[in-house]
């Protein structure tokens, strides 16, 4: 499973929209979208809160 697939699955499992997750991480919704589409990857400092949300 790719990072994009994992992120999308975790977001859906937690009933979060892209916008809600972006707000929790203090980033733009567009960043979440790009991550989920494999168009870009987050910086390591953005991954730590993703792990903590779960």
Protein backbone atom coordinates (compact mmCIF):
# COMPACT_ATOMS: atom_id res chain seq x y z
CA UNK A 1 0.00 0.00 0.00
CA UNK A 2 1.37 3.42 -0.93
CA UNK A 3 1.58 6.40 1.39
CA UNK A 4 -1.26 8.02 -0.60
CA UNK A 5 -3.51 4.98 -0.19
CA UNK A 6 -2.70 4.70 3.52
CA UNK A 7 -3.38 8.36 4.16
CA UNK A 8 -6.69 8.29 2.34
CA UNK A 9 -7.78 5.12 4.13
CA UNK A 10 -6.82 6.49 7.56
CA UNK A 11 -8.59 9.77 6.82
CA UNK A 12 -11.76 7.94 5.80
CA UNK A 13 -11.54 5.54 8.75
CA UNK A 14 -11.48 8.59 11.04
CA UNK A 15 -14.38 10.24 9.16
CA UNK A 16 -12.31 13.29 8.25
CA UNK A 17 -12.59 15.38 5.13
CA UNK A 18 -9.44 16.64 3.46
CA UNK A 19 -10.26 20.06 4.84
CA UNK A 20 -10.68 18.78 8.41
CA UNK A 21 -7.36 16.92 8.29
CA UNK A 22 -5.64 19.95 6.78
CA UNK A 23 -6.94 22.13 9.62
CA UNK A 24 -5.64 19.66 12.22
CA UNK A 25 -2.21 19.69 10.58
CA UNK A 26 -2.20 23.45 9.94
CA UNK A 27 -1.68 23.02 6.22
CA UNK A 28 -3.76 23.60 3.09
CA UNK A 29 -6.40 21.22 1.81
CA UNK A 30 -4.54 21.25 -1.49
CA UNK A 31 -1.53 19.69 0.23
CA UNK A 32 -3.66 16.80 1.47
CA UNK A 33 -5.08 16.36 -2.02
CA UNK A 34 -1.60 16.27 -3.58
CA UNK A 35 -0.43 13.72 -1.02
CA UNK A 36 -3.45 11.50 -1.73
CA UNK A 37 -2.91 11.77 -5.49
CA UNK A 38 0.82 10.92 -5.23
CA UNK A 39 1.68 14.32 -6.69
CA UNK A 40 3.83 15.26 -3.72
CA UNK A 41 4.95 13.98 -0.35
CA UNK A 42 4.88 15.71 3.01
CA UNK A 43 7.96 16.95 4.79
CA UNK A 44 8.91 14.80 7.76
CA UNK A 45 7.74 17.50 10.18
CA UNK A 46 4.24 17.18 8.70
CA UNK A 47 4.18 13.38 9.07
CA UNK A 48 4.56 13.35 12.84
CA UNK A 49 1.12 14.93 13.47
CA UNK A 50 -0.43 12.45 10.98
CA UNK A 51 0.86 9.60 13.13
CA UNK A 52 -0.35 11.31 16.31
CA UNK A 53 -3.88 11.83 14.92
CA UNK A 54 -4.26 8.07 14.82
